[in-house]
Amino acid sequence: MKILLITPPMTQLNTPYPATAYLTGFLKQYDYAVTQLDLAIDVFLNMVSRTGLEAIYDQR
């Protein structure tokens, strides 16, 4: 069984949301194929990338 745990976006970037990390570790102990995705970090990294900053600048 493959499992994807997603942390929702718009949580605080400087305070990690631990629930998905704890659950990932717990499930890996029982040999589940677990992947973790943090959408807050993905949104932030896309926003401050070159293309993201250019898109923001173009909206001015």
PDB file of N, CA and C in Angstrom:
ATOM      1  N   MET A   1       0.839  -1.175   0.000  1.00  0.00           N
ATOM      2  CA  MET A   1       0.000   0.000   0.000  1.00  0.00           C
ATOM      3  C   MET A   1       0.887   1.242   0.000  1.00  0.00           C
ATOM      4  N   LYS A   2       0.586   2.177  -0.883  1.00  0.00           N
ATOM      5  CA  LYS A   2       1.305   3.446  -0.943  1.00  0.00           C
ATOM      6  C   LYS A   2       0.455   4.522  -0.286  1.00  0.00           C
ATOM      7  N   ILE A   3       1.099   5.340   0.548  1.00  0.00           N
ATOM      8  CA  ILE A   3       0.383   6.376   1.289  1.00  0.00           C
ATOM      9  C   ILE A   3       1.077   7.717   1.060  1.00  0.00           C
ATOM     10  N   LEU A   4       0.288   8.753   0.787  1.00  0.00           N
ATOM     11  CA  LEU A   4       0.793  10.118   0.659  1.00  0.00           C
ATOM     12  C   LEU A   4       0.153  10.955   1.751  1.00  0.00           C
ATOM     13  N   LEU A   5       0.977  11.547   2.617  1.00  0.00           N
ATOM     14  CA  LEU A   5       0.489  12.429   3.675  1.00  0.00           C
ATOM     15  C   LEU A   5       0.798  13.866   3.275  1.00  0.00           C
ATOM     16  N   ILE A   6      -0.232  14.703   3.247  1.00  0.00           N
ATOM     17  CA  ILE A   6      -0.082  16.079   2.780  1.00  0.00           C
ATOM     18  C   ILE A   6      -0.331  17.048   3.927  1.00  0.00           C
ATOM     19  N   THR A   7       0.633  17.930   4.162  1.00  0.00           N
ATOM     20  CA  THR A   7       0.445  19.023   5.110  1.00  0.00           C
ATOM     21  C   THR A   7      -0.169  20.171   4.325  1.00  0.00           C
ATOM     22  N   PRO A   8      -1.309  20.700   4.779  1.00  0.00           N
ATOM     23  CA  PRO A   8      -1.987  21.745   4.013  1.00  0.00           C
ATOM     24  C   PRO A   8      -1.173  23.023   3.932  1.00  0.00           C
ATOM     25  N   PRO A   9      -1.408  23.813   2.887  1.00  0.00           N
ATOM     26  CA  PRO A   9      -0.668  25.073   2.758  1.00  0.00           C
ATOM     27  C   PRO A   9      -1.161  26.101   3.770  1.00  0.00           C
ATOM     28  N   MET A  10      -0.396  27.150   3.880  1.00  0.00           N
ATOM     29  CA  MET A  10      -0.693  28.303   4.717  1.00  0.00           C
ATOM     30  C   MET A  10      -0.589  28.025   6.216  1.00  0.00           C
ATOM     31  N   THR A  11       0.215  27.029   6.575  1.00  0.00           N
ATOM     32  CA  THR A  11       0.619  26.908   7.966  1.00  0.00           C
ATOM     33  C   THR A  11       1.885  27.728   8.121  1.00  0.00           C
ATOM     34  N   GLN A  12       2.312  28.002   9.330  1.00  0.00           N
ATOM     35  CA  GLN A  12       3.492  28.832   9.528  1.00  0.00           C
ATOM     36  C   GLN A  12       4.740  28.096   9.069  1.00  0.00           C
ATOM     37  N   LEU A  13       5.549  28.750   8.246  1.00  0.00           N
ATOM     38  CA  LEU A  13       6.763  28.114   7.729  1.00  0.00           C
ATOM     39  C   LEU A  13       7.824  27.945   8.806  1.00  0.00           C
ATOM     40  N   ASN A  14       7.847  28.829   9.802  1.00  0.00           N
ATOM     41  CA  ASN A  14       8.881  28.749  10.834  1.00  0.00           C
ATOM     42  C   ASN A  14       8.483  27.815  11.978  1.00  0.00           C
ATOM     43  N   THR A  15       7.286  27.250  11.932  1.00  0.00           N
ATOM     44  CA  THR A  15       6.841  26.304  12.948  1.00  0.00           C
ATOM     45  C   THR A  15       6.317  25.067  12.239  1.00  0.00           C
ATOM     46  N   PRO A  16       7.134  24.033  12.118  1.00  0.00           N
ATOM     47  CA  PRO A  16       6.699  22.848  11.383  1.00  0.00           C
ATOM     48  C   PRO A  16       5.477  22.191  12.028  1.00  0.00           C
ATOM     49  N   TYR A  17       4.613  21.690  11.210  1.00  0.00           N
ATOM     50  CA  TYR A  17       3.423  20.979  11.670  1.00  0.00           C
ATOM     51  C   TYR A  17       3.821  19.516  11.832  1.00  0.00           C
ATOM     52  N   PRO A  18       3.916  19.009  13.057  1.00  0.00           N
ATOM     53  CA  PRO A  18       4.543  17.708  13.281  1.00  0.00           C
ATOM     54  C   PRO A  18       3.683  16.480  12.998  1.00  0.00           C
ATOM     55  N   ALA A  19       2.368  16.643  12.852  1.00  0.00           N
ATOM     56  CA  ALA A  19       1.504  15.465  12.761  1.00  0.00           C
ATOM     57  C   ALA A  19       1.865  14.546  11.597  1.00  0.00           C
ATOM     58  N   THR A  20       2.083  15.118  10.417  1.00  0.00           N
ATOM     59  CA  THR A  20       2.387  14.245   9.267  1.00  0.00           C
ATOM     60  C   THR A  20       3.752  13.591   9.416  1.00  0.00           C
ATOM     61  N   ALA A  21       4.705  14.288  10.015  1.00  0.00           N
ATOM     62  CA  ALA A  21       6.035  13.692  10.230  1.00  0.00           C
ATOM     63  C   ALA A  21       5.952  12.524  11.216  1.00  0.00           C
ATOM     64  N   TYR A  22       5.219  12.701  12.303  1.00  0.00           N
ATOM     65  CA  TYR A  22       5.060  11.614  13.276  1.00  0.00           C
ATOM     66  C   TYR A  22       4.334  10.424  12.661  1.00  0.00           C
ATOM     67  N   LEU A  23       3.279  10.717  11.914  1.00  0.00           N
ATOM     68  CA  LEU A  23       2.507   9.639  11.295  1.00  0.00           C
ATOM     69  C   LEU A  23       3.338   8.914  10.241  1.00  0.00           C
ATOM     70  N   THR A  24       4.160   9.654   9.491  1.00  0.00           N
ATOM     71  CA  THR A  24       5.047   9.033   8.506  1.00  0.00           C
ATOM     72  C   THR A  24       6.009   8.061   9.181  1.00  0.00           C
ATOM     73  N   GLY A  25       6.639   8.519  10.252  1.00  0.00           N
ATOM     74  CA  GLY A  25       7.564   7.646  10.988  1.00  0.00           C
ATOM     75  C   GLY A  25       6.886   6.416  11.552  1.00  0.00           C
ATOM     76  N   PHE A  26       5.697   6.595  12.103  1.00  0.00           N
ATOM     77  CA  PHE A  26       4.950   5.474  12.665  1.00  0.00           C
ATOM     78  C   PHE A  26       4.623   4.438  11.595  1.00  0.00           C
ATOM     79  N   LEU A  27       4.110   4.905  10.454  1.00  0.00           N
ATOM     80  CA  LEU A  27       3.729   3.972   9.392  1.00  0.00           C
ATOM     81  C   LEU A  27       4.931   3.269   8.768  1.00  0.00           C
ATOM     82  N   LYS A  28       6.073   3.967   8.691  1.00  0.00           N
ATOM     83  CA  LYS A  28       7.275   3.338   8.132  1.00  0.00           C
ATOM     84  C   LYS A  28       7.775   2.205   9.021  1.00  0.00           C
ATOM     85  N   GLN A  29       7.499   2.279  10.333  1.00  0.00           N
ATOM     86  CA  GLN A  29       7.873   1.183  11.235  1.00  0.00           C
ATOM     87  C   GLN A  29       7.173  -0.112  10.843  1.00  0.00           C
ATOM     88  N   TYR A  30       6.024   0.002  10.231  1.00  0.00           N
ATOM     89  CA  TYR A  30       5.240  -1.153   9.831  1.00  0.00           C
ATOM     90  C   TYR A  30       5.362  -1.421   8.333  1.00  0.00           C
ATOM     91  N   ASP A  31       6.425  -0.916   7.735  1.00  0.00           N
ATOM     92  CA  ASP A  31       6.800  -1.186   6.340  1.00  0.00           C
ATOM     93  C   ASP A  31       5.794  -0.694   5.302  1.00  0.00           C
ATOM     94  N   TYR A  32       5.087   0.388   5.600  1.00  0.00           N
ATOM     95  CA  TYR A  32       4.249   1.023   4.597  1.00  0.00           C
ATOM     96  C   TYR A  32       5.111   1.941   3.742  1.00  0.00           C
ATOM     97  N   ALA A  33       4.770   2.058   2.466  1.00  0.00           N
ATOM     98  CA  ALA A  33       5.464   2.983   1.568  1.00  0.00           C
ATOM     99  C   ALA A  33       4.809   4.353   1.740  1.00  0.00           C
ATOM    100  N   VAL A  34       5.436   5.214   2.543  1.00  0.00           N
ATOM    101  CA  VAL A  34       4.850   6.503   2.901  1.00  0.00           C
ATOM    102  C   VAL A  34       5.678   7.636   2.314  1.00  0.00           C
ATOM    103  N   THR A  35       4.994   8.600   1.714  1.00  0.00           N
ATOM    104  CA  THR A  35       5.618   9.821   1.207  1.00  0.00           C
ATOM    105  C   THR A  35       4.936  10.998   1.881  1.00  0.00           C
ATOM    106  N   GLN A  36       5.730  12.000   2.195  1.00  0.00           N
ATOM    107  CA  GLN A  36       5.210  13.178   2.871  1.00  0.00           C
ATOM    108  C   GLN A  36       5.390  14.388   1.961  1.00  0.00           C
ATOM    109  N   LEU A  37       4.358  15.237   1.877  1.00  0.00           N
ATOM    110  CA  LEU A  37       4.394  16.435   1.044  1.00  0.00           C
ATOM    111  C   LEU A  37       3.907  17.615   1.867  1.00  0.00           C
ATOM    112  N   ASP A  38       4.700  18.678   1.901  1.00  0.00           N
ATOM    113  CA  ASP A  38       4.333  19.889   2.639  1.00  0.00           C
ATOM    114  C   ASP A  38       3.994  20.981   1.632  1.00  0.00           C
ATOM    115  N   LEU A  39       2.703  21.239   1.444  1.00  0.00           N
ATOM    116  CA  LEU A  39       2.280  22.209   0.442  1.00  0.00           C
ATOM    117  C   LEU A  39       2.645  23.642   0.820  1.00  0.00           C
ATOM    118  N   ALA A  40       2.771  23.937   2.115  1.00  0.00           N
ATOM    119  CA  ALA A  40       3.165  25.285   2.534  1.00  0.00           C
ATOM    120  C   ALA A  40       4.568  25.609   2.014  1.00  0.00           C
ATOM    121  N   ILE A  41       5.478  24.663   2.139  1.00  0.00           N
ATOM    122  CA  ILE A  41       6.843  24.874   1.647  1.00  0.00           C
ATOM    123  C   ILE A  41       6.846  24.956   0.124  1.00  0.00           C
ATOM    124  N   ASP A  42       6.070  24.092  -0.542  1.00  0.00           N
ATOM    125  CA  ASP A  42       6.015  24.126  -2.006  1.00  0.00           C
ATOM    126  C   ASP A  42       5.478  25.458  -2.525  1.00  0.00           C
ATOM    127  N   VAL A  43       4.418  25.973  -1.883  1.00  0.00           N
ATOM    128  CA  VAL A  43       3.858  27.261  -2.293  1.00  0.00           C
ATOM    129  C   VAL A  43       4.899  28.364  -2.105  1.00  0.00           C
ATOM    130  N   PHE A  44       5.559  28.372  -0.958  1.00  0.00           N
ATOM    131  CA  PHE A  44       6.562  29.395  -0.669  1.00  0.00           C
ATOM    132  C   PHE A  44       7.721  29.333  -1.663  1.00  0.00           C
ATOM    133  N   LEU A  45       8.244  28.141  -1.916  1.00  0.00           N
ATOM    134  CA  LEU A  45       9.373  28.006  -2.838  1.00  0.00           C
ATOM    135  C   LEU A  45       8.991  28.402  -4.260  1.00  0.00           C
ATOM    136  N   ASN A  46       7.775  28.085  -4.675  1.00  0.00           N
ATOM    137  CA  ASN A  46       7.328  28.509  -6.005  1.00  0.00           C
ATOM    138  C   ASN A  46       7.152  30.019  -6.069  1.00  0.00           C
ATOM    139  N   MET A  47       6.694  30.608  -4.982  1.00  0.00           N
ATOM    140  CA  MET A  47       6.460  32.045  -4.960  1.00  0.00           C
ATOM    141  C   MET A  47       7.773  32.830  -5.021  1.00  0.00           C
ATOM    142  N   VAL A  48       8.814  32.350  -4.340  1.00  0.00           N
ATOM    143  CA  VAL A  48      10.078  33.089  -4.320  1.00  0.00           C
ATOM    144  C   VAL A  48      11.070  32.604  -5.378  1.00  0.00           C
ATOM    145  N   SER A  49      10.619  31.734  -6.280  1.00  0.00           N
ATOM    146  CA  SER A  49      11.468  31.334  -7.398  1.00  0.00           C
ATOM    147  C   SER A  49      11.510  32.472  -8.420  1.00  0.00           C
ATOM    148  N   ARG A  50      12.373  32.366  -9.367  1.00  0.00           N
ATOM    149  CA  ARG A  50      12.485  33.409 -10.396  1.00  0.00           C
ATOM    150  C   ARG A  50      11.163  33.619 -11.128  1.00  0.00           C
ATOM    151  N   THR A  51      10.541  32.510 -11.568  1.00  0.00           N
ATOM    152  CA  THR A  51       9.281  32.648 -12.302  1.00  0.00           C
ATOM    153  C   THR A  51       8.164  33.167 -11.397  1.00  0.00           C
ATOM    154  N   GLY A  52       8.159  32.754 -10.145  1.00  0.00           N
ATOM    155  CA  GLY A  52       7.151  33.241  -9.219  1.00  0.00           C
ATOM    156  C   GLY A  52       7.283  34.732  -8.958  1.00  0.00           C
ATOM    157  N   LEU A  53       8.515  35.197  -8.741  1.00  0.00           N
ATOM    158  CA  LEU A  53       8.735  36.620  -8.505  1.00  0.00           C
ATOM    159  C   LEU A  53       8.423  37.441  -9.755  1.00  0.00           C
ATOM    160  N   GLU A  54       8.743  36.912 -10.928  1.00  0.00           N
ATOM    161  CA  GLU A  54       8.418  37.629 -12.166  1.00  0.00           C
ATOM    162  C   GLU A  54       6.892  37.735 -12.325  1.00  0.00           C
ATOM    163  N   ALA A  55       6.169  36.674 -11.988  1.00  0.00           N
ATOM    164  CA  ALA A  55       4.709  36.714 -12.093  1.00  0.00           C
ATOM    165  C   ALA A  55       4.130  37.733 -11.120  1.00  0.00           C
ATOM    166  N   ILE A  56       4.678  37.803  -9.917  1.00  0.00           N
ATOM    167  CA  ILE A  56       4.216  38.780  -8.943  1.00  0.00           C
ATOM    168  C   ILE A  56       4.526  40.190  -9.437  1.00  0.00           C
ATOM    169  N   TYR A  57       5.714  40.383  -9.956  1.00  0.00           N
ATOM    170  CA  TYR A  57       6.106  41.703 -10.455  1.00  0.00           C
ATOM    171  C   TYR A  57       5.223  42.131 -11.623  1.00  0.00           C
ATOM    172  N   ASP A  58       4.877  41.187 -12.492  1.00  0.00           N
ATOM    173  CA  ASP A  58       4.029  41.501 -13.657  1.00  0.00           C
ATOM    174  C   ASP A  58       2.622  41.917 -13.254  1.00  0.00           C
ATOM    175  N   GLN A  59       2.184  41.538 -12.077  1.00  0.00           N
ATOM    176  CA  GLN A  59       0.837  41.886 -11.602  1.00  0.00           C
ATOM    177  C   GLN A  59       0.745  43.338 -11.128  1.00  0.00           C
ATOM    178  N   ARG A  60       1.855  44.004 -10.956  1.00  0.00           N
ATOM    179  CA  ARG A  60       1.853  45.401 -10.471  1.00  0.00           C
ATOM    180  C   ARG A  60       1.251  46.331 -11.451  1.00  0.00           C
TER     181      ARG A  60
END
